[in-house]
């Protein structure tokens, strides 16, 4: 299939584009910055807010992965008007399937940026196109950046009552690619990380991984959105879930080598590496990772 990806330069887009290519799809990527085609990706200029270039971008595609978002501070400029423009032009072009990425809790806690997400979901559902909505929990990468933004503070304010269910963008991209390959479901599908942690657990794991020491000041964040999060409205029990935990994202475990890998990378009995007598200046030290070959004086 030829799939148009909006928000292709974002955090999720950067993971979805290679996932789609790996699955054998043709990818057309929409960007507000003019780019030359690179590799197997067809880059097209377009602006969802104004609509410029979008008509050309949707022409001839078999599906759209609509990832572009205004974010938490964008006041819905892309989520609502941009989605409306995209749906109108996609319908006119006869696009068979639109997958829209939303957030877990948009239907239960329509406050702040989640209100814009819910409105965008409605625009997709009422577009006259076949659709799939993928609601996800916050990304590992987003939470890490948010904590980095506070790294200079001498004390970190922590609300222990808030549950978080972080998920890796690579796993979300794999899930989205599979849904696009399967075709429209006309359902809202939730996808979250493998574990639910409170804010203090998140922060202390990040501090340990970053080699930082900061005291955590207990606070209680105000507002309706935080109240909904506190009640568990932004987490999900849906399956399947991601498998990469917050700890393993920050401190990845060493790779486990299979027997096949070991056999492929072990010198054979006839290899020169196992015949040190053929070179009097060569010393072989099994298992000595710090060894460097001596030089002739």
C-alpha atoms as a PDB file:
ATOM      1  CA  UNK A   1       0.000   0.000   0.000  1.00  0.00           C
ATOM      2  CA  UNK A   2       0.972   3.616  -0.430  1.00  0.00           C
ATOM      3  CA  UNK A   3       0.498   5.301   2.942  1.00  0.00           C
ATOM      4  CA  UNK A   4       0.591   9.021   3.707  1.00  0.00           C
ATOM      5  CA  UNK A   5       2.027   9.860   7.120  1.00  0.00           C
ATOM      6  CA  UNK A   6       1.260  13.245   8.661  1.00  0.00           C
ATOM      7  CA  UNK A   7       3.535  14.292  11.500  1.00  0.00           C
ATOM      8  CA  UNK A   8       6.263  12.157   9.909  1.00  0.00           C
ATOM      9  CA  UNK A   9       9.035  14.245  11.484  1.00  0.00           C
ATOM     10  CA  UNK A  10       7.649  13.881  15.007  1.00  0.00           C
ATOM     11  CA  UNK A  11       8.556  11.383  17.702  1.00  0.00           C
ATOM     12  CA  UNK A  12       6.060   8.733  16.599  1.00  0.00           C
ATOM     13  CA  UNK A  13       6.416   9.535  12.911  1.00  0.00           C
ATOM     14  CA  UNK A  14      10.146   8.924  13.103  1.00  0.00           C
ATOM     15  CA  UNK A  15       9.377   5.388  14.284  1.00  0.00           C
ATOM     16  CA  UNK A  16       6.366   4.668  12.068  1.00  0.00           C
ATOM     17  CA  UNK A  17       7.977   5.538   8.722  1.00  0.00           C
ATOM     18  CA  UNK A  18      10.689   2.836   8.990  1.00  0.00           C
ATOM     19  CA  UNK A  19       8.131   0.377  10.417  1.00  0.00           C
ATOM     20  CA  UNK A  20       5.932   0.846   7.352  1.00  0.00           C
ATOM     21  CA  UNK A  21       8.884   0.498   4.997  1.00  0.00           C
ATOM     22  CA  UNK A  22       9.915  -2.696   6.768  1.00  0.00           C
ATOM     23  CA  UNK A  23       6.383  -4.028   6.291  1.00  0.00           C
ATOM     24  CA  UNK A  24       6.717  -3.471   2.551  1.00  0.00           C
ATOM     25  CA  UNK A  25       4.585  -0.362   2.155  1.00  0.00           C
ATOM     26  CA  UNK A  26       5.321   2.730   0.081  1.00  0.00           C
ATOM     27  CA  UNK A  27       5.517   5.807   2.296  1.00  0.00           C
ATOM     28  CA  UNK A  28       4.598   9.381   1.444  1.00  0.00           C
ATOM     29  CA  UNK A  29       5.498  11.786   4.249  1.00  0.00           C
ATOM     30  CA  UNK A  30       3.906  15.191   4.788  1.00  0.00           C
ATOM     31  CA  UNK A  31       6.144  17.959   6.101  1.00  0.00           C
ATOM     32  CA  UNK A  32       5.769  21.716   6.564  1.00  0.00           C
ATOM     33  CA  UNK A  33       9.380  22.027   5.436  1.00  0.00           C
ATOM     34  CA  UNK A  34      10.275  21.262   1.838  1.00  0.00           C
ATOM     35  CA  UNK A  35      12.558  18.224   1.677  1.00  0.00           C
ATOM     36  CA  UNK A  36      14.187  16.171  -1.018  1.00  0.00           C
ATOM     37  CA  UNK A  37      13.144  12.544  -1.340  1.00  0.00           C
ATOM     38  CA  UNK A  38      15.389  10.320   0.764  1.00  0.00           C
ATOM     39  CA  UNK A  39      15.645   6.562   0.465  1.00  0.00           C
ATOM     40  CA  UNK A  40      12.249   4.995  -0.142  1.00  0.00           C
ATOM     41  CA  UNK A  41      10.255   7.903   1.325  1.00  0.00           C
ATOM     42  CA  UNK A  42       8.408  10.378  -0.885  1.00  0.00           C
ATOM     43  CA  UNK A  43       8.446  13.691   0.978  1.00  0.00           C
ATOM     44  CA  UNK A  44       5.740  16.224   0.131  1.00  0.00           C
ATOM     45  CA  UNK A  45       5.298  19.744   1.404  1.00  0.00           C
ATOM     46  CA  UNK A  46       1.982  20.598   3.018  1.00  0.00           C
ATOM     47  CA  UNK A  47       0.403  22.573   5.838  1.00  0.00           C
ATOM     48  CA  UNK A  48      -2.607  21.050   7.569  1.00  0.00           C
ATOM     49  CA  UNK A  49      -3.604  24.327   9.173  1.00  0.00           C
ATOM     50  CA  UNK A  50      -3.850  26.278   5.906  1.00  0.00           C
ATOM     51  CA  UNK A  51      -4.549  23.266   3.699  1.00  0.00           C
ATOM     52  CA  UNK A  52      -1.825  24.214   1.226  1.00  0.00           C
ATOM     53  CA  UNK A  53      -0.287  21.164  -0.420  1.00  0.00           C
ATOM     54  CA  UNK A  54      -2.600  18.701   1.324  1.00  0.00           C
ATOM     55  CA  UNK A  55      -4.758  17.991  -1.748  1.00  0.00           C
ATOM     56  CA  UNK A  56      -1.681  16.833  -3.654  1.00  0.00           C
ATOM     57  CA  UNK A  57      -0.462  14.784  -0.690  1.00  0.00           C
ATOM     58  CA  UNK A  58      -3.661  12.721  -0.338  1.00  0.00           C
ATOM     59  CA  UNK A  59      -3.997  12.040  -4.052  1.00  0.00           C
ATOM     60  CA  UNK A  60      -3.433   8.383  -4.928  1.00  0.00           C
ATOM     61  CA  UNK A  61      -2.774   7.008  -1.430  1.00  0.00           C
ATOM     62  CA  UNK A  62      -4.351   3.836  -0.033  1.00  0.00           C
ATOM     63  CA  UNK A  63      -4.340   4.936   3.590  1.00  0.00           C
ATOM     64  CA  UNK A  64      -3.433   7.859   5.841  1.00  0.00           C
ATOM     65  CA  UNK A  65      -1.671   7.613   9.193  1.00  0.00           C
ATOM     66  CA  UNK A  66      -2.674  10.913  10.806  1.00  0.00           C
ATOM     67  CA  UNK A  67      -0.139  11.526  13.575  1.00  0.00           C
ATOM     68  CA  UNK A  68       0.236  15.308  13.364  1.00  0.00           C
ATOM     69  CA  UNK A  69      -0.786  17.063  16.566  1.00  0.00           C
ATOM     70  CA  UNK A  70      -0.717  20.475  18.163  1.00  0.00           C
ATOM     71  CA  UNK A  71       0.644  19.030  21.384  1.00  0.00           C
ATOM     72  CA  UNK A  72      -0.327  20.123  24.855  1.00  0.00           C
ATOM     73  CA  UNK A  73       0.324  23.812  24.226  1.00  0.00           C
ATOM     74  CA  UNK A  74      -0.906  24.120  20.635  1.00  0.00           C
ATOM     75  CA  UNK A  75      -4.561  24.879  21.456  1.00  0.00           C
ATOM     76  CA  UNK A  76      -5.764  22.266  18.959  1.00  0.00           C
ATOM     77  CA  UNK A  77      -4.673  24.164  15.828  1.00  0.00           C
ATOM     78  CA  UNK A  78      -3.703  20.960  14.039  1.00  0.00           C
ATOM     79  CA  UNK A  79      -5.830  18.485  15.978  1.00  0.00           C
ATOM     80  CA  UNK A  80      -9.151  20.125  15.110  1.00  0.00           C
ATOM     81  CA  UNK A  81      -8.949  22.513  12.098  1.00  0.00           C
ATOM     82  CA  UNK A  82      -6.087  20.525  10.573  1.00  0.00           C
ATOM     83  CA  UNK A  83      -7.929  17.223  10.942  1.00  0.00           C
ATOM     84  CA  UNK A  84     -11.079  18.754   9.482  1.00  0.00           C
ATOM     85  CA  UNK A  85      -9.167  19.952   6.397  1.00  0.00           C
ATOM     86  CA  UNK A  86      -7.433  16.603   5.992  1.00  0.00           C
ATOM     87  CA  UNK A  87     -10.705  14.660   6.222  1.00  0.00           C
ATOM     88  CA  UNK A  88     -12.454  16.859   3.654  1.00  0.00           C
ATOM     89  CA  UNK A  89      -9.635  16.513   1.133  1.00  0.00           C
ATOM     90  CA  UNK A  90      -9.130  12.796   1.836  1.00  0.00           C
ATOM     91  CA  UNK A  91     -12.848  12.161   1.283  1.00  0.00           C
ATOM     92  CA  UNK A  92     -12.752  14.056  -1.999  1.00  0.00           C
ATOM     93  CA  UNK A  93      -9.765  11.954  -3.070  1.00  0.00           C
ATOM     94  CA  UNK A  94     -11.478   8.684  -2.090  1.00  0.00           C
ATOM     95  CA  UNK A  95      -8.873   7.559   0.425  1.00  0.00           C
ATOM     96  CA  UNK A  96      -9.987   4.117   1.690  1.00  0.00           C
ATOM     97  CA  UNK A  97      -8.677   4.238   5.275  1.00  0.00           C
ATOM     98  CA  UNK A  98      -7.567   6.771   7.877  1.00  0.00           C
ATOM     99  CA  UNK A  99      -5.793   5.770  11.077  1.00  0.00           C
ATOM    100  CA  UNK A 100      -5.785   8.541  13.670  1.00  0.00           C
ATOM    101  CA  UNK A 101      -3.576   8.452  16.767  1.00  0.00           C
ATOM    102  CA  UNK A 102      -5.264   9.818  19.864  1.00  0.00           C
ATOM    103  CA  UNK A 103      -4.633   9.420  23.595  1.00  0.00           C
ATOM    104  CA  UNK A 104      -5.957   7.009  26.184  1.00  0.00           C
ATOM    105  CA  UNK A 105      -8.510   8.837  28.305  1.00  0.00           C
ATOM    106  CA  UNK A 106      -9.706  11.267  25.630  1.00  0.00           C
ATOM    107  CA  UNK A 107     -13.217   9.826  25.931  1.00  0.00           C
ATOM    108  CA  UNK A 108     -13.185   9.793  29.754  1.00  0.00           C
ATOM    109  CA  UNK A 109     -11.365  13.036  30.556  1.00  0.00           C
ATOM    110  CA  UNK A 110     -12.009  15.535  27.771  1.00  0.00           C
ATOM    111  CA  UNK A 111     -10.085  18.373  29.398  1.00  0.00           C
ATOM    112  CA  UNK A 112      -7.252  20.496  28.004  1.00  0.00           C
ATOM    113  CA  UNK A 113      -5.449  18.889  25.079  1.00  0.00           C
ATOM    114  CA  UNK A 114      -7.544  15.724  25.429  1.00  0.00           C
ATOM    115  CA  UNK A 115     -10.626  17.738  24.525  1.00  0.00           C
ATOM    116  CA  UNK A 116      -9.001  18.573  21.185  1.00  0.00           C
ATOM    117  CA  UNK A 117      -8.123  14.913  20.653  1.00  0.00           C
ATOM    118  CA  UNK A 118     -11.710  13.831  21.272  1.00  0.00           C
ATOM    119  CA  UNK A 119     -13.011  16.438  18.843  1.00  0.00           C
ATOM    120  CA  UNK A 120     -10.532  15.253  16.205  1.00  0.00           C
ATOM    121  CA  UNK A 121     -11.698  11.673  16.768  1.00  0.00           C
ATOM    122  CA  UNK A 122     -15.259  12.792  16.051  1.00  0.00           C
ATOM    123  CA  UNK A 123     -14.176  14.502  12.818  1.00  0.00           C
ATOM    124  CA  UNK A 124     -12.517  11.272  11.670  1.00  0.00           C
ATOM    125  CA  UNK A 125     -15.528   9.139  12.581  1.00  0.00           C
ATOM    126  CA  UNK A 126     -17.954  11.474  10.794  1.00  0.00           C
ATOM    127  CA  UNK A 127     -15.768  12.011   7.717  1.00  0.00           C
ATOM    128  CA  UNK A 128     -17.464   9.369   5.602  1.00  0.00           C
ATOM    129  CA  UNK A 129     -14.164   7.486   5.365  1.00  0.00           C
ATOM    130  CA  UNK A 130     -13.301   4.095   6.799  1.00  0.00           C
ATOM    131  CA  UNK A 131     -11.308   4.648   9.972  1.00  0.00           C
ATOM    132  CA  UNK A 132      -9.342   3.271  12.891  1.00  0.00           C
ATOM    133  CA  UNK A 133      -8.512   5.241  16.040  1.00  0.00           C
ATOM    134  CA  UNK A 134      -5.471   4.213  18.065  1.00  0.00           C
ATOM    135  CA  UNK A 135      -5.441   5.680  21.581  1.00  0.00           C
ATOM    136  CA  UNK A 136      -2.058   5.439  23.292  1.00  0.00           C
ATOM    137  CA  UNK A 137      -0.557   6.281  26.684  1.00  0.00           C
ATOM    138  CA  UNK A 138       2.338   8.793  27.061  1.00  0.00           C
ATOM    139  CA  UNK A 139       5.590   7.916  25.320  1.00  0.00           C
ATOM    140  CA  UNK A 140       8.781   7.035  27.184  1.00  0.00           C
ATOM    141  CA  UNK A 141      10.540   9.626  25.057  1.00  0.00           C
ATOM    142  CA  UNK A 142       8.100  12.410  25.975  1.00  0.00           C
ATOM    143  CA  UNK A 143       8.338  11.701  29.695  1.00  0.00           C
ATOM    144  CA  UNK A 144      12.130  11.604  29.546  1.00  0.00           C
ATOM    145  CA  UNK A 145      12.245  14.989  27.826  1.00  0.00           C
ATOM    146  CA  UNK A 146       9.815  16.438  30.341  1.00  0.00           C
ATOM    147  CA  UNK A 147      12.072  15.310  33.188  1.00  0.00           C
ATOM    148  CA  UNK A 148      15.155  16.666  31.432  1.00  0.00           C
ATOM    149  CA  UNK A 149      13.447  20.053  31.276  1.00  0.00           C
ATOM    150  CA  UNK A 150      13.341  20.025  35.090  1.00  0.00           C
ATOM    151  CA  UNK A 151      16.843  18.633  35.635  1.00  0.00           C
ATOM    152  CA  UNK A 152      18.243  22.040  36.636  1.00  0.00           C
ATOM    153  CA  UNK A 153      15.820  22.397  39.550  1.00  0.00           C
ATOM    154  CA  UNK A 154      17.370  21.775  42.976  1.00  0.00           C
ATOM    155  CA  UNK A 155      14.176  19.982  44.094  1.00  0.00           C
ATOM    156  CA  UNK A 156      11.722  18.013  41.934  1.00  0.00           C
ATOM    157  CA  UNK A 157       8.004  18.419  42.731  1.00  0.00           C
ATOM    158  CA  UNK A 158       6.404  14.966  42.745  1.00  0.00           C
ATOM    159  CA  UNK A 159       2.746  13.994  42.997  1.00  0.00           C
ATOM    160  CA  UNK A 160       2.867  10.392  44.195  1.00  0.00           C
ATOM    161  CA  UNK A 161      -0.869   9.938  43.541  1.00  0.00           C
ATOM    162  CA  UNK A 162      -0.574  10.172  39.734  1.00  0.00           C
ATOM    163  CA  UNK A 163      -0.343   6.886  37.793  1.00  0.00           C
ATOM    164  CA  UNK A 164       1.621   6.762  34.530  1.00  0.00           C
ATOM    165  CA  UNK A 165       1.703   3.994  31.938  1.00  0.00           C
ATOM    166  CA  UNK A 166       4.560   4.924  29.588  1.00  0.00           C
ATOM    167  CA  UNK A 167       4.946   3.139  26.265  1.00  0.00           C
ATOM    168  CA  UNK A 168       7.788   3.022  23.735  1.00  0.00           C
ATOM    169  CA  UNK A 169       7.196   4.781  20.410  1.00  0.00           C
ATOM    170  CA  UNK A 170       8.764   1.875  18.534  1.00  0.00           C
ATOM    171  CA  UNK A 171       6.117  -0.472  19.911  1.00  0.00           C
ATOM    172  CA  UNK A 172       3.334   2.000  19.128  1.00  0.00           C
ATOM    173  CA  UNK A 173       4.678   2.279  15.576  1.00  0.00           C
ATOM    174  CA  UNK A 174       4.642  -1.515  15.196  1.00  0.00           C
ATOM    175  CA  UNK A 175       1.046  -1.618  16.431  1.00  0.00           C
ATOM    176  CA  UNK A 176      -0.007   1.192  14.092  1.00  0.00           C
ATOM    177  CA  UNK A 177       1.671  -0.469  11.105  1.00  0.00           C
ATOM    178  CA  UNK A 178      -0.168  -3.712  11.845  1.00  0.00           C
ATOM    179  CA  UNK A 179      -3.513  -1.888  12.067  1.00  0.00           C
ATOM    180  CA  UNK A 180      -2.882  -0.158   8.751  1.00  0.00           C
ATOM    181  CA  UNK A 181      -2.047  -3.486   7.108  1.00  0.00           C
ATOM    182  CA  UNK A 182      -5.199  -5.070   8.556  1.00  0.00           C
ATOM    183  CA  UNK A 183      -7.498  -2.379   7.171  1.00  0.00           C
ATOM    184  CA  UNK A 184     -10.169  -0.217   8.839  1.00  0.00           C
ATOM    185  CA  UNK A 185     -11.722  -1.504  12.047  1.00  0.00           C
ATOM    186  CA  UNK A 186     -14.228   1.303  12.814  1.00  0.00           C
ATOM    187  CA  UNK A 187     -13.134   0.961  16.454  1.00  0.00           C
ATOM    188  CA  UNK A 188     -11.242   2.913  19.084  1.00  0.00           C
ATOM    189  CA  UNK A 189      -8.298   0.724  20.059  1.00  0.00           C
ATOM    190  CA  UNK A 190      -6.263   1.408  23.207  1.00  0.00           C
ATOM    191  CA  UNK A 191      -2.576   0.601  23.574  1.00  0.00           C
ATOM    192  CA  UNK A 192      -0.448   1.209  26.641  1.00  0.00           C
ATOM    193  CA  UNK A 193       2.840   0.343  28.253  1.00  0.00           C
ATOM    194  CA  UNK A 194       3.486  -2.838  30.267  1.00  0.00           C
ATOM    195  CA  UNK A 195       3.330  -1.274  33.747  1.00  0.00           C
ATOM    196  CA  UNK A 196       1.678   1.500  35.738  1.00  0.00           C
ATOM    197  CA  UNK A 197       3.993   3.582  37.930  1.00  0.00           C
ATOM    198  CA  UNK A 198       3.455   6.577  40.167  1.00  0.00           C
ATOM    199  CA  UNK A 199       5.352   9.814  39.605  1.00  0.00           C
ATOM    200  CA  UNK A 200       7.913   9.153  42.311  1.00  0.00           C
ATOM    201  CA  UNK A 201       8.816   5.776  40.798  1.00  0.00           C
ATOM    202  CA  UNK A 202       9.223   7.425  37.408  1.00  0.00           C
ATOM    203  CA  UNK A 203      11.376  10.234  38.755  1.00  0.00           C
ATOM    204  CA  UNK A 204      13.644   8.089  40.938  1.00  0.00           C
ATOM    205  CA  UNK A 205      14.280   5.619  38.116  1.00  0.00           C
ATOM    206  CA  UNK A 206      15.135   8.510  35.792  1.00  0.00           C
ATOM    207  CA  UNK A 207      17.446  10.112  38.383  1.00  0.00           C
ATOM    208  CA  UNK A 208      19.281   6.817  38.860  1.00  0.00           C
ATOM    209  CA  UNK A 209      19.649   6.303  35.098  1.00  0.00           C
ATOM    210  CA  UNK A 210      20.862   9.897  34.659  1.00  0.00           C
ATOM    211  CA  UNK A 211      23.343   9.750  37.532  1.00  0.00           C
ATOM    212  CA  UNK A 212      21.625  12.675  39.279  1.00  0.00           C
ATOM    213  CA  UNK A 213      20.693  13.303  42.881  1.00  0.00           C
ATOM    214  CA  UNK A 214      17.679  15.471  43.609  1.00  0.00           C
ATOM    215  CA  UNK A 215      15.320  15.491  46.580  1.00  0.00           C
ATOM    216  CA  UNK A 216      11.664  14.909  45.701  1.00  0.00           C
ATOM    217  CA  UNK A 217       9.170  17.341  47.215  1.00  0.00           C
ATOM    218  CA  UNK A 218       5.693  15.817  47.723  1.00  0.00           C
ATOM    219  CA  UNK A 219       3.012  17.983  46.084  1.00  0.00           C
ATOM    220  CA  UNK A 220      -0.495  17.583  44.701  1.00  0.00           C
ATOM    221  CA  UNK A 221      -1.037  18.884  41.166  1.00  0.00           C
ATOM    222  CA  UNK A 222      -4.325  20.810  40.783  1.00  0.00           C
ATOM    223  CA  UNK A 223      -6.842  20.728  37.937  1.00  0.00           C
ATOM    224  CA  UNK A 224      -9.498  18.467  36.404  1.00  0.00           C
ATOM    225  CA  UNK A 225      -7.089  16.661  34.075  1.00  0.00           C
ATOM    226  CA  UNK A 226      -4.804  15.650  36.946  1.00  0.00           C
ATOM    227  CA  UNK A 227      -7.871  14.598  38.950  1.00  0.00           C
ATOM    228  CA  UNK A 228      -8.906  12.332  36.077  1.00  0.00           C
ATOM    229  CA  UNK A 229      -5.385  10.918  35.858  1.00  0.00           C
ATOM    230  CA  UNK A 230      -5.407  10.341  39.614  1.00  0.00           C
ATOM    231  CA  UNK A 231      -8.625   8.345  39.171  1.00  0.00           C
ATOM    232  CA  UNK A 232      -6.946   6.092  36.590  1.00  0.00           C
ATOM    233  CA  UNK A 233      -8.769   7.479  33.555  1.00  0.00           C
ATOM    234  CA  UNK A 234      -5.541   7.840  31.549  1.00  0.00           C
ATOM    235  CA  UNK A 235      -4.404   4.223  31.881  1.00  0.00           C
ATOM    236  CA  UNK A 236      -5.698   1.130  30.117  1.00  0.00           C
ATOM    237  CA  UNK A 237      -6.064  -2.615  30.684  1.00  0.00           C
ATOM    238  CA  UNK A 238      -6.368  -3.297  26.952  1.00  0.00           C
ATOM    239  CA  UNK A 239      -4.293  -6.059  25.377  1.00  0.00           C
ATOM    240  CA  UNK A 240      -1.886  -6.404  23.762  1.00  0.00           C
ATOM    241  CA  UNK A 241       0.413  -4.064  25.658  1.00  0.00           C
ATOM    242  CA  UNK A 242       3.928  -2.844  25.027  1.00  0.00           C
ATOM    243  CA  UNK A 243       6.771  -4.869  26.513  1.00  0.00           C
ATOM    244  CA  UNK A 244       9.535  -2.296  27.111  1.00  0.00           C
ATOM    245  CA  UNK A 245       9.390  -1.016  30.693  1.00  0.00           C
ATOM    246  CA  UNK A 246      10.395   2.460  31.822  1.00  0.00           C
ATOM    247  CA  UNK A 247      13.461   0.984  33.557  1.00  0.00           C
ATOM    248  CA  UNK A 248      14.552  -0.957  30.479  1.00  0.00           C
ATOM    249  CA  UNK A 249      14.003   2.048  28.235  1.00  0.00           C
ATOM    250  CA  UNK A 250      16.301   4.177  30.406  1.00  0.00           C
ATOM    251  CA  UNK A 251      18.800   1.399  31.182  1.00  0.00           C
ATOM    252  CA  UNK A 252      18.568  -1.213  28.421  1.00  0.00           C
ATOM    253  CA  UNK A 253      19.712  -4.693  29.443  1.00  0.00           C
ATOM    254  CA  UNK A 254      22.671  -6.128  27.540  1.00  0.00           C
ATOM    255  CA  UNK A 255      21.699  -8.155  24.458  1.00  0.00           C
ATOM    256  CA  UNK A 256      21.427 -11.894  24.910  1.00  0.00           C
ATOM    257  CA  UNK A 257      23.405 -13.702  22.234  1.00  0.00           C
ATOM    258  CA  UNK A 258      21.790 -16.773  20.776  1.00  0.00           C
ATOM    259  CA  UNK A 259      23.658 -20.010  20.135  1.00  0.00           C
ATOM    260  CA  UNK A 260      23.434 -19.269  16.419  1.00  0.00           C
ATOM    261  CA  UNK A 261      25.050 -15.865  16.912  1.00  0.00           C
ATOM    262  CA  UNK A 262      27.824 -17.361  19.030  1.00  0.00           C
ATOM    263  CA  UNK A 263      28.584 -20.059  16.491  1.00  0.00           C
ATOM    264  CA  UNK A 264      28.651 -17.540  13.647  1.00  0.00           C
ATOM    265  CA  UNK A 265      31.068 -15.252  15.494  1.00  0.00           C
ATOM    266  CA  UNK A 266      33.384 -17.864  17.021  1.00  0.00           C
ATOM    267  CA  UNK A 267      36.642 -18.530  15.198  1.00  0.00           C
ATOM    268  CA  UNK A 268      36.931 -21.961  13.652  1.00  0.00           C
ATOM    269  CA  UNK A 269      39.786 -24.330  14.603  1.00  0.00           C
ATOM    270  CA  UNK A 270      41.538 -23.461  11.341  1.00  0.00           C
ATOM    271  CA  UNK A 271      41.185 -19.692  11.776  1.00  0.00           C
ATOM    272  CA  UNK A 272      44.427 -17.694  12.058  1.00  0.00           C
ATOM    273  CA  UNK A 273      43.091 -16.335  15.339  1.00  0.00           C
ATOM    274  CA  UNK A 274      43.502 -19.788  16.876  1.00  0.00           C
ATOM    275  CA  UNK A 275      46.986 -20.298  15.463  1.00  0.00           C
ATOM    276  CA  UNK A 276      49.201 -17.886  17.456  1.00  0.00           C
ATOM    277  CA  UNK A 277      52.287 -19.902  16.639  1.00  0.00           C
ATOM    278  CA  UNK A 278      52.088 -18.590  13.074  1.00  0.00           C
ATOM    279  CA  UNK A 279      52.837 -15.064  14.326  1.00  0.00           C
ATOM    280  CA  UNK A 280      55.261 -14.784  17.278  1.00  0.00           C
ATOM    281  CA  UNK A 281      54.117 -11.220  18.004  1.00  0.00           C
ATOM    282  CA  UNK A 282      50.425 -12.138  18.233  1.00  0.00           C
ATOM    283  CA  UNK A 283      49.003 -13.072  21.628  1.00  0.00           C
ATOM    284  CA  UNK A 284      45.496 -14.387  22.007  1.00  0.00           C
ATOM    285  CA  UNK A 285      43.718 -13.901  25.312  1.00  0.00           C
ATOM    286  CA  UNK A 286      40.370 -15.632  25.533  1.00  0.00           C
ATOM    287  CA  UNK A 287      37.698 -13.543  27.252  1.00  0.00           C
ATOM    288  CA  UNK A 288      39.956 -10.538  27.914  1.00  0.00           C
ATOM    289  CA  UNK A 289      37.790  -7.677  26.657  1.00  0.00           C
ATOM    290  CA  UNK A 290      40.368  -5.057  27.536  1.00  0.00           C
ATOM    291  CA  UNK A 291      43.119  -6.681  25.538  1.00  0.00           C
ATOM    292  CA  UNK A 292      44.877  -4.687  22.820  1.00  0.00           C
ATOM    293  CA  UNK A 293      47.218  -6.282  20.345  1.00  0.00           C
ATOM    294  CA  UNK A 294      50.843  -5.337  21.189  1.00  0.00           C
ATOM    295  CA  UNK A 295      52.922  -3.551  18.587  1.00  0.00           C
ATOM    296  CA  UNK A 296      56.407  -4.423  17.482  1.00  0.00           C
ATOM    297  CA  UNK A 297      59.112  -2.255  19.025  1.00  0.00           C
END
